[in-house]
Amino acid sequence: MFARLLSGAAVIAALALPLAAQARTVEEAKASGTVRIGIQGDNCPWGCINSAGEADGFDAEMGRAFAEHLGVKAEFVPLQVANRIPALTTDKVDVLFATMGMTAERAQSIQYSRPYAANQLSVLAPKDMAAATAEDLAGKRVGVPRASAQDNALTAAVPNAEIMRFDDDAATIQALLSGQVDAVGGNQIYIQRLEAAKPGVYENKMPLTALYNGAGSRLGEADWNEALNSFLEAHMTSDAYKATYDKWMQLTPPEFPAQMDGIPYTIAQ
């Protein structure tokens, strides 16, 4: 019996080995001349694919700057909210610049860098709708991107709402515009997109939480984590970074926390 159990454990370990072997190191990426960067494909100004088929937005510019820091070209992989972490852990991408809100729960699955962007999450709804409290939203249809930070925050804060989950930010916003939902849980950029579609109709209502975004690498891979932090330490003091933040966020970069509970920025040596 013990032998059979040991044999089964060996099979499981053997099955796990190819994935670890496939994951590229920083040096292997440099040798290939490219770094594979996961971004959101539909969520400008954070990250998107533009009409020319090119990666665009704040995260795309950060990704290109990271690639330049490594001395390689950026190869962008557009992702949806729900498949960002799986794409990283199965080696579809080397790193994530993909609007990755930093949470202790996610830090169990990926290694975060230091934060490089801030993101206020809120409930957004028509101006003439009461949506300032959990009581206001009881029984209301509220849309969120599936598995997003606002999904988690809204589920905890407004348990009596009818939460409707969509594949991505674009689908969530469209659900509000079409009347499929009464309100949405969104990031600080949603209001720009809603204003562009229907000027003067919507506003930020109930605040949910403030998040910081970090770049993601695989757990235990110190080389990628060190490369990301080295890049961010240098880049975030530059005029280029400030210009990128102003261009896409229309904000001045905030002060970022030196540490966050349950979210290490570096791998302990």
C-alpha atoms as a PDB file:
ATOM      1  CA  MET A   1       0.000   0.000   0.000  1.00  0.00           C
ATOM      2  CA  PHE A   2       2.798   2.417   0.937  1.00  0.00           C
ATOM      3  CA  ALA A   3       4.594   1.587  -2.302  1.00  0.00           C
ATOM      4  CA  ARG A   4       1.486   2.372  -4.309  1.00  0.00           C
ATOM      5  CA  LEU A   5       1.050   5.693  -2.486  1.00  0.00           C
ATOM      6  CA  LEU A   6       4.681   6.564  -3.079  1.00  0.00           C
ATOM      7  CA  SER A   7       4.318   5.651  -6.723  1.00  0.00           C
ATOM      8  CA  GLY A   8       1.263   7.894  -7.015  1.00  0.00           C
ATOM      9  CA  ALA A   9       3.123  10.795  -5.390  1.00  0.00           C
ATOM     10  CA  ALA A  10       6.007  10.273  -7.801  1.00  0.00           C
ATOM     11  CA  VAL A  11       3.615  10.435 -10.752  1.00  0.00           C
ATOM     12  CA  ILE A  12       2.133  13.698  -9.476  1.00  0.00           C
ATOM     13  CA  ALA A  13       5.597  15.165  -8.990  1.00  0.00           C
ATOM     14  CA  ALA A  14       6.619  14.033 -12.450  1.00  0.00           C
ATOM     15  CA  LEU A  15       3.555  15.660 -13.969  1.00  0.00           C
ATOM     16  CA  ALA A  16       4.415  18.927 -12.202  1.00  0.00           C
ATOM     17  CA  LEU A  17       8.005  18.992 -13.426  1.00  0.00           C
ATOM     18  CA  PRO A  18       7.429  19.878 -17.105  1.00  0.00           C
ATOM     19  CA  LEU A  19       5.557  23.077 -16.199  1.00  0.00           C
ATOM     20  CA  ALA A  20       8.387  24.263 -13.949  1.00  0.00           C
ATOM     21  CA  ALA A  21      10.897  23.369 -16.652  1.00  0.00           C
ATOM     22  CA  GLN A  22       8.987  25.335 -19.292  1.00  0.00           C
ATOM     23  CA  ALA A  23       8.883  28.583 -17.315  1.00  0.00           C
ATOM     24  CA  ARG A  24      11.458  30.935 -18.809  1.00  0.00           C
ATOM     25  CA  THR A  25      14.088  32.694 -16.764  1.00  0.00           C
ATOM     26  CA  VAL A  26      14.996  36.341 -17.296  1.00  0.00           C
ATOM     27  CA  GLU A  27      18.221  35.279 -19.012  1.00  0.00           C
ATOM     28  CA  GLU A  28      16.311  32.973 -21.351  1.00  0.00           C
ATOM     29  CA  ALA A  29      13.948  35.799 -22.217  1.00  0.00           C
ATOM     30  CA  LYS A  30      16.890  38.073 -22.944  1.00  0.00           C
ATOM     31  CA  ALA A  31      18.445  35.398 -25.157  1.00  0.00           C
ATOM     32  CA  SER A  32      15.170  35.102 -27.099  1.00  0.00           C
ATOM     33  CA  GLY A  33      15.023  38.873 -27.629  1.00  0.00           C
ATOM     34  CA  THR A  34      11.474  39.181 -26.271  1.00  0.00           C
ATOM     35  CA  VAL A  35       9.577  39.343 -23.002  1.00  0.00           C
ATOM     36  CA  ARG A  36       5.998  38.049 -23.013  1.00  0.00           C
ATOM     37  CA  ILE A  37       3.810  40.525 -21.143  1.00  0.00           C
ATOM     38  CA  GLY A  38       0.203  39.863 -20.192  1.00  0.00           C
ATOM     39  CA  ILE A  39      -2.061  42.917 -20.320  1.00  0.00           C
ATOM     40  CA  GLN A  40      -5.810  43.350 -20.308  1.00  0.00           C
ATOM     41  CA  GLY A  41      -7.038  43.395 -23.874  1.00  0.00           C
ATOM     42  CA  ASP A  42     -10.165  45.472 -23.442  1.00  0.00           C
ATOM     43  CA  ASN A  43      -9.664  47.934 -20.623  1.00  0.00           C
ATOM     44  CA  CYS A  44      -8.109  51.163 -21.858  1.00  0.00           C
ATOM     45  CA  PRO A  45      -6.787  53.435 -20.510  1.00  0.00           C
ATOM     46  CA  TRP A  46      -5.228  50.590 -18.478  1.00  0.00           C
ATOM     47  CA  GLY A  47      -4.585  48.099 -21.240  1.00  0.00           C
ATOM     48  CA  CYS A  48      -6.211  47.298 -24.572  1.00  0.00           C
ATOM     49  CA  ILE A  49      -5.672  46.409 -28.198  1.00  0.00           C
ATOM     50  CA  ASN A  50      -6.267  49.463 -30.407  1.00  0.00           C
ATOM     51  CA  SER A  51      -7.786  49.665 -33.882  1.00  0.00           C
ATOM     52  CA  ALA A  52      -4.365  49.049 -35.427  1.00  0.00           C
ATOM     53  CA  GLY A  53      -4.081  45.766 -33.533  1.00  0.00           C
ATOM     54  CA  GLU A  54      -1.381  47.118 -31.211  1.00  0.00           C
ATOM     55  CA  ALA A  55      -1.195  46.978 -27.420  1.00  0.00           C
ATOM     56  CA  ASP A  56      -2.117  50.363 -25.994  1.00  0.00           C
ATOM     57  CA  GLY A  57      -2.796  52.072 -22.676  1.00  0.00           C
ATOM     58  CA  PHE A  58      -0.956  52.717 -19.428  1.00  0.00           C
ATOM     59  CA  ASP A  59       0.059  49.106 -18.803  1.00  0.00           C
ATOM     60  CA  ALA A  60       1.258  48.696 -22.387  1.00  0.00           C
ATOM     61  CA  GLU A  61       3.522  51.718 -22.012  1.00  0.00           C
ATOM     62  CA  MET A  62       4.822  50.352 -18.718  1.00  0.00           C
ATOM     63  CA  GLY A  63       5.415  47.000 -20.385  1.00  0.00           C
ATOM     64  CA  ARG A  64       7.365  48.551 -23.243  1.00  0.00           C
ATOM     65  CA  ALA A  65       9.500  50.480 -20.775  1.00  0.00           C
ATOM     66  CA  PHE A  66      10.172  47.235 -18.875  1.00  0.00           C
ATOM     67  CA  ALA A  67      11.171  45.489 -22.100  1.00  0.00           C
ATOM     68  CA  GLU A  68      13.520  48.374 -22.912  1.00  0.00           C
ATOM     69  CA  HIS A  69      14.996  48.040 -19.403  1.00  0.00           C
ATOM     70  CA  LEU A  70      15.756  44.381 -20.185  1.00  0.00           C
ATOM     71  CA  GLY A  71      17.086  45.226 -23.650  1.00  0.00           C
ATOM     72  CA  VAL A  72      14.437  43.191 -25.490  1.00  0.00           C
ATOM     73  CA  LYS A  73      11.174  43.726 -27.363  1.00  0.00           C
ATOM     74  CA  ALA A  74       7.766  43.476 -25.701  1.00  0.00           C
ATOM     75  CA  GLU A  75       5.487  40.682 -26.907  1.00  0.00           C
ATOM     76  CA  PHE A  76       2.027  41.474 -25.551  1.00  0.00           C
ATOM     77  CA  VAL A  77      -0.583  38.829 -24.758  1.00  0.00           C
ATOM     78  CA  PRO A  78      -4.106  40.285 -24.296  1.00  0.00           C
ATOM     79  CA  LEU A  79      -5.986  38.702 -21.395  1.00  0.00           C
ATOM     80  CA  GLN A  80      -9.364  38.876 -19.705  1.00  0.00           C
ATOM     81  CA  VAL A  81      -9.741  39.441 -15.971  1.00  0.00           C
ATOM     82  CA  ALA A  82     -10.358  35.796 -15.106  1.00  0.00           C
ATOM     83  CA  ASN A  83      -7.428  34.311 -17.050  1.00  0.00           C
ATOM     84  CA  ARG A  84      -4.652  36.693 -16.007  1.00  0.00           C
ATOM     85  CA  ILE A  85      -3.232  34.544 -13.203  1.00  0.00           C
ATOM     86  CA  PRO A  86      -3.712  31.234 -15.073  1.00  0.00           C
ATOM     87  CA  ALA A  87      -1.831  32.664 -18.061  1.00  0.00           C
ATOM     88  CA  LEU A  88       1.082  33.500 -15.770  1.00  0.00           C
ATOM     89  CA  THR A  89       1.158  30.267 -13.780  1.00  0.00           C
ATOM     90  CA  THR A  90       0.965  28.114 -16.941  1.00  0.00           C
ATOM     91  CA  ASP A  91       3.797  30.075 -18.601  1.00  0.00           C
ATOM     92  CA  LYS A  92       1.717  31.717 -21.330  1.00  0.00           C
ATOM     93  CA  VAL A  93       3.383  34.971 -20.254  1.00  0.00           C
ATOM     94  CA  ASP A  94       6.549  35.894 -18.369  1.00  0.00           C
ATOM     95  CA  VAL A  95       5.049  38.752 -16.331  1.00  0.00           C
ATOM     96  CA  LEU A  96       1.781  40.623 -15.875  1.00  0.00           C
ATOM     97  CA  PHE A  97       1.181  44.333 -16.296  1.00  0.00           C
ATOM     98  CA  ALA A  98      -2.561  43.712 -16.259  1.00  0.00           C
ATOM     99  CA  THR A  99      -4.347  46.011 -13.795  1.00  0.00           C
ATOM    100  CA  MET A 100      -3.507  43.514 -11.051  1.00  0.00           C
ATOM    101  CA  GLY A 101      -5.022  44.933  -7.873  1.00  0.00           C
ATOM    102  CA  MET A 102      -2.809  43.885  -4.977  1.00  0.00           C
ATOM    103  CA  THR A 103      -4.641  41.667  -2.475  1.00  0.00           C
ATOM    104  CA  ALA A 104      -3.382  39.216   0.140  1.00  0.00           C
ATOM    105  CA  GLU A 105      -5.513  36.500  -1.459  1.00  0.00           C
ATOM    106  CA  ARG A 106      -3.889  36.946  -4.870  1.00  0.00           C
ATOM    107  CA  ALA A 107      -0.467  37.107  -3.236  1.00  0.00           C
ATOM    108  CA  GLN A 108      -0.951  33.407  -2.465  1.00  0.00           C
ATOM    109  CA  SER A 109      -0.952  32.706  -6.223  1.00  0.00           C
ATOM    110  CA  ILE A 110       1.488  35.230  -7.705  1.00  0.00           C
ATOM    111  CA  GLN A 111       4.497  37.283  -6.651  1.00  0.00           C
ATOM    112  CA  TYR A 112       3.785  41.002  -6.736  1.00  0.00           C
ATOM    113  CA  SER A 113       6.289  43.733  -7.429  1.00  0.00           C
ATOM    114  CA  ARG A 114       6.188  47.036  -5.605  1.00  0.00           C
ATOM    115  CA  PRO A 115       3.032  49.008  -6.573  1.00  0.00           C
ATOM    116  CA  TYR A 116       3.214  51.205  -9.668  1.00  0.00           C
ATOM    117  CA  ALA A 117      -0.369  52.513  -9.969  1.00  0.00           C
ATOM    118  CA  ALA A 118      -3.359  53.275  -7.762  1.00  0.00           C
ATOM    119  CA  ASN A 119      -6.977  52.399  -8.444  1.00  0.00           C
ATOM    120  CA  GLN A 120     -10.089  53.571  -6.555  1.00  0.00           C
ATOM    121  CA  LEU A 121     -12.977  51.107  -6.824  1.00  0.00           C
ATOM    122  CA  SER A 122     -16.529  52.438  -6.563  1.00  0.00           C
ATOM    123  CA  VAL A 123     -20.131  51.721  -7.454  1.00  0.00           C
ATOM    124  CA  LEU A 124     -21.224  53.745 -10.485  1.00  0.00           C
ATOM    125  CA  ALA A 125     -24.832  54.416 -11.406  1.00  0.00           C
ATOM    126  CA  PRO A 126     -27.075  57.031 -13.065  1.00  0.00           C
ATOM    127  CA  LYS A 127     -26.962  60.378 -11.303  1.00  0.00           C
ATOM    128  CA  ASP A 128     -30.662  60.212 -10.434  1.00  0.00           C
ATOM    129  CA  MET A 129     -30.355  56.803  -8.717  1.00  0.00           C
ATOM    130  CA  ALA A 130     -29.728  56.445  -4.976  1.00  0.00           C
ATOM    131  CA  ALA A 131     -26.650  54.244  -4.623  1.00  0.00           C
ATOM    132  CA  ALA A 132     -24.610  55.726  -1.786  1.00  0.00           C
ATOM    133  CA  THR A 133     -25.054  52.871   0.715  1.00  0.00           C
ATOM    134  CA  ALA A 134     -25.466  49.107   0.880  1.00  0.00           C
ATOM    135  CA  GLU A 135     -29.115  49.664   1.787  1.00  0.00           C
ATOM    136  CA  ASP A 136     -29.645  51.696  -1.400  1.00  0.00           C
ATOM    137  CA  LEU A 137     -28.300  48.801  -3.464  1.00  0.00           C
ATOM    138  CA  ALA A 138     -30.317  46.023  -1.800  1.00  0.00           C
ATOM    139  CA  GLY A 139     -32.203  44.155  -4.515  1.00  0.00           C
ATOM    140  CA  LYS A 140     -30.551  46.165  -7.298  1.00  0.00           C
ATOM    141  CA  ARG A 141     -28.811  44.486 -10.249  1.00  0.00           C
ATOM    142  CA  VAL A 142     -25.125  45.378  -9.974  1.00  0.00           C
ATOM    143  CA  GLY A 143     -22.653  44.284 -12.640  1.00  0.00           C
ATOM    144  CA  VAL A 144     -18.990  43.429 -12.082  1.00  0.00           C
ATOM    145  CA  PRO A 145     -16.231  41.716 -14.071  1.00  0.00           C
ATOM    146  CA  ARG A 146     -16.056  38.109 -12.912  1.00  0.00           C
ATOM    147  CA  ALA A 147     -13.245  37.376 -10.405  1.00  0.00           C
ATOM    148  CA  SER A 148     -12.214  41.039 -10.253  1.00  0.00           C
ATOM    149  CA  ALA A 149     -11.303  43.001  -7.133  1.00  0.00           C
ATOM    150  CA  GLN A 150     -14.601  44.881  -7.350  1.00  0.00           C
ATOM    151  CA  ASP A 151     -16.448  41.551  -7.532  1.00  0.00           C
ATOM    152  CA  ASN A 152     -14.898  40.540  -4.204  1.00  0.00           C
ATOM    153  CA  ALA A 153     -15.389  43.965  -2.605  1.00  0.00           C
ATOM    154  CA  LEU A 154     -19.009  44.309  -3.705  1.00  0.00           C
ATOM    155  CA  THR A 155     -19.928  40.771  -2.681  1.00  0.00           C
ATOM    156  CA  ALA A 156     -18.647  41.527   0.824  1.00  0.00           C
ATOM    157  CA  ALA A 157     -20.051  45.056   1.115  1.00  0.00           C
ATOM    158  CA  VAL A 158     -23.483  44.585  -0.482  1.00  0.00           C
ATOM    159  CA  PRO A 159     -24.654  41.018   0.185  1.00  0.00           C
ATOM    160  CA  ASN A 160     -28.294  41.853  -0.624  1.00  0.00           C
ATOM    161  CA  ALA A 161     -27.621  43.108  -4.149  1.00  0.00           C
ATOM    162  CA  GLU A 162     -28.249  40.933  -7.190  1.00  0.00           C
ATOM    163  CA  ILE A 163     -24.667  40.713  -8.421  1.00  0.00           C
ATOM    164  CA  MET A 164     -24.352  39.934 -12.118  1.00  0.00           C
ATOM    165  CA  ARG A 165     -20.920  38.835 -13.349  1.00  0.00           C
ATOM    166  CA  PHE A 166     -19.532  39.504 -16.809  1.00  0.00           C
ATOM    167  CA  ASP A 167     -16.419  38.364 -18.653  1.00  0.00           C
ATOM    168  CA  ASP A 168     -14.580  41.689 -18.637  1.00  0.00           C
ATOM    169  CA  ASP A 169     -14.753  45.444 -18.069  1.00  0.00           C
ATOM    170  CA  ALA A 170     -16.142  46.224 -21.513  1.00  0.00           C
ATOM    171  CA  ALA A 171     -19.049  43.805 -21.076  1.00  0.00           C
ATOM    172  CA  THR A 172     -19.756  45.186 -17.587  1.00  0.00           C
ATOM    173  CA  ILE A 173     -19.866  48.775 -18.823  1.00  0.00           C
ATOM    174  CA  GLN A 174     -22.051  47.799 -21.779  1.00  0.00           C
ATOM    175  CA  ALA A 175     -24.480  46.079 -19.406  1.00  0.00           C
ATOM    176  CA  LEU A 176     -24.989  49.393 -17.586  1.00  0.00           C
ATOM    177  CA  LEU A 177     -25.306  51.388 -20.808  1.00  0.00           C
ATOM    178  CA  SER A 178     -27.908  48.957 -22.162  1.00  0.00           C
ATOM    179  CA  GLY A 179     -29.923  48.805 -18.933  1.00  0.00           C
ATOM    180  CA  GLN A 180     -29.144  45.158 -18.254  1.00  0.00           C
ATOM    181  CA  VAL A 181     -27.937  46.230 -14.781  1.00  0.00           C
ATOM    182  CA  ASP A 182     -28.815  49.189 -12.541  1.00  0.00           C
ATOM    183  CA  ALA A 183     -25.253  49.913 -11.425  1.00  0.00           C
ATOM    184  CA  VAL A 184     -21.731  48.539 -11.749  1.00  0.00           C
ATOM    185  CA  GLY A 185     -18.688  48.070  -9.564  1.00  0.00           C
ATOM    186  CA  GLY A 186     -15.802  49.664 -11.405  1.00  0.00           C
ATOM    187  CA  ASN A 187     -12.346  51.136 -11.192  1.00  0.00           C
ATOM    188  CA  GLN A 188     -11.455  54.811 -11.384  1.00  0.00           C
ATOM    189  CA  ILE A 189     -11.463  54.737 -15.197  1.00  0.00           C
ATOM    190  CA  TYR A 190     -15.050  53.552 -15.642  1.00  0.00           C
ATOM    191  CA  ILE A 191     -16.433  57.072 -15.303  1.00  0.00           C
ATOM    192  CA  GLN A 192     -14.305  58.249 -18.245  1.00  0.00           C
ATOM    193  CA  ARG A 193     -15.694  55.490 -20.457  1.00  0.00           C
ATOM    194  CA  LEU A 194     -19.275  56.052 -19.330  1.00  0.00           C
ATOM    195  CA  GLU A 195     -18.967  59.804 -19.826  1.00  0.00           C
ATOM    196  CA  ALA A 196     -17.660  59.242 -23.359  1.00  0.00           C
ATOM    197  CA  ALA A 197     -20.624  56.992 -24.165  1.00  0.00           C
ATOM    198  CA  LYS A 198     -23.392  58.996 -22.443  1.00  0.00           C
ATOM    199  CA  PRO A 199     -22.186  62.406 -21.231  1.00  0.00           C
ATOM    200  CA  GLY A 200     -23.673  63.643 -17.961  1.00  0.00           C
ATOM    201  CA  VAL A 201     -25.658  60.496 -17.146  1.00  0.00           C
ATOM    202  CA  TYR A 202     -23.491  58.573 -14.654  1.00  0.00           C
ATOM    203  CA  GLU A 203     -21.376  59.296 -11.602  1.00  0.00           C
ATOM    204  CA  ASN A 204     -19.313  57.560  -8.916  1.00  0.00           C
ATOM    205  CA  LYS A 205     -21.533  56.645  -5.987  1.00  0.00           C
ATOM    206  CA  MET A 206     -20.570  54.353  -3.118  1.00  0.00           C
ATOM    207  CA  PRO A 207     -16.793  53.919  -2.630  1.00  0.00           C
ATOM    208  CA  LEU A 208     -15.694  50.297  -2.282  1.00  0.00           C
ATOM    209  CA  THR A 209     -11.957  50.229  -1.684  1.00  0.00           C
ATOM    210  CA  ALA A 210      -8.688  51.733  -2.832  1.00  0.00           C
ATOM    211  CA  LEU A 211      -6.300  49.321  -4.493  1.00  0.00           C
ATOM    212  CA  TYR A 212      -2.764  49.494  -5.717  1.00  0.00           C
ATOM    213  CA  ASN A 213      -1.644  47.697  -8.855  1.00  0.00           C
ATOM    214  CA  GLY A 214       1.564  45.695  -9.008  1.00  0.00           C
ATOM    215  CA  ALA A 215       3.304  43.755 -11.744  1.00  0.00           C
ATOM    216  CA  GLY A 216       3.049  39.991 -11.337  1.00  0.00           C
ATOM    217  CA  SER A 217       5.536  37.162 -11.668  1.00  0.00           C
ATOM    218  CA  ARG A 218       5.431  33.523 -10.628  1.00  0.00           C
ATOM    219  CA  LEU A 219       5.892  32.521  -6.994  1.00  0.00           C
ATOM    220  CA  GLY A 220       9.477  31.706  -6.100  1.00  0.00           C
ATOM    221  CA  GLU A 221      11.004  33.181  -9.271  1.00  0.00           C
ATOM    222  CA  ALA A 222      13.357  35.737  -7.747  1.00  0.00           C
ATOM    223  CA  ASP A 223      14.920  36.711 -11.085  1.00  0.00           C
ATOM    224  CA  TRP A 224      11.673  38.083 -12.533  1.00  0.00           C
ATOM    225  CA  ASN A 225      10.678  39.727  -9.259  1.00  0.00           C
ATOM    226  CA  GLU A 226      14.073  41.408  -8.973  1.00  0.00           C
ATOM    227  CA  ALA A 227      13.959  42.534 -12.612  1.00  0.00           C
ATOM    228  CA  LEU A 228      10.522  44.102 -12.151  1.00  0.00           C
ATOM    229  CA  ASN A 229      11.440  45.909  -8.942  1.00  0.00           C
ATOM    230  CA  SER A 230      14.736  47.143 -10.360  1.00  0.00           C
ATOM    231  CA  PHE A 231      12.890  48.544 -13.361  1.00  0.00           C
ATOM    232  CA  LEU A 232      10.161  50.186 -11.277  1.00  0.00           C
ATOM    233  CA  GLU A 233      12.614  51.716  -8.809  1.00  0.00           C
ATOM    234  CA  ALA A 234      14.391  53.497 -11.654  1.00  0.00           C
ATOM    235  CA  HIS A 235      11.444  54.230 -13.934  1.00  0.00           C
ATOM    236  CA  MET A 236       9.028  55.620 -11.355  1.00  0.00           C
ATOM    237  CA  THR A 237      11.326  58.561 -10.583  1.00  0.00           C
ATOM    238  CA  SER A 238      11.537  59.531 -14.259  1.00  0.00           C
ATOM    239  CA  ASP A 239       9.698  62.217 -16.178  1.00  0.00           C
ATOM    240  CA  ALA A 240       8.626  59.518 -18.631  1.00  0.00           C
ATOM    241  CA  TYR A 241       6.675  57.707 -15.916  1.00  0.00           C
ATOM    242  CA  LYS A 242       5.001  60.907 -14.735  1.00  0.00           C
ATOM    243  CA  ALA A 243       4.061  61.745 -18.327  1.00  0.00           C
ATOM    244  CA  THR A 244       2.619  58.257 -18.843  1.00  0.00           C
ATOM    245  CA  TYR A 245       0.563  58.528 -15.641  1.00  0.00           C
ATOM    246  CA  ASP A 246      -0.770  61.939 -16.613  1.00  0.00           C
ATOM    247  CA  LYS A 247      -1.554  60.803 -20.171  1.00  0.00           C
ATOM    248  CA  TRP A 248      -3.584  57.724 -19.257  1.00  0.00           C
ATOM    249  CA  MET A 249      -4.786  58.284 -15.689  1.00  0.00           C
ATOM    250  CA  GLN A 250      -5.148  62.057 -15.959  1.00  0.00           C
ATOM    251  CA  LEU A 251      -3.754  62.162 -12.433  1.00  0.00           C
ATOM    252  CA  THR A 252      -0.510  62.873 -10.630  1.00  0.00           C
ATOM    253  CA  PRO A 253       1.155  59.681  -9.349  1.00  0.00           C
ATOM    254  CA  PRO A 254       0.241  59.189  -5.672  1.00  0.00           C
ATOM    255  CA  GLU A 255       2.433  58.202  -2.783  1.00  0.00           C
ATOM    256  CA  PHE A 256       2.694  54.432  -2.665  1.00  0.00           C
ATOM    257  CA  PRO A 257       2.820  52.355   0.534  1.00  0.00           C
ATOM    258  CA  ALA A 258       6.250  51.078   1.548  1.00  0.00           C
ATOM    259  CA  GLN A 259       4.629  47.804   2.592  1.00  0.00           C
ATOM    260  CA  MET A 260       1.218  46.137   2.620  1.00  0.00           C
ATOM    261  CA  ASP A 261      -0.049  43.498   5.048  1.00  0.00           C
ATOM    262  CA  GLY A 262       0.078  40.028   3.547  1.00  0.00           C
ATOM    263  CA  ILE A 263       1.553  41.244   0.252  1.00  0.00           C
ATOM    264  CA  PRO A 264       5.347  40.969   0.022  1.00  0.00           C
ATOM    265  CA  TYR A 265       6.944  43.000  -2.748  1.00  0.00           C
ATOM    266  CA  THR A 266      10.067  40.846  -2.794  1.00  0.00           C
ATOM    267  CA  ILE A 267      10.972  37.194  -2.333  1.00  0.00           C
ATOM    268  CA  ALA A 268      12.654  36.471   0.992  1.00  0.00           C
ATOM    269  CA  GLN A 269      16.166  35.159   0.481  1.00  0.00           C
END
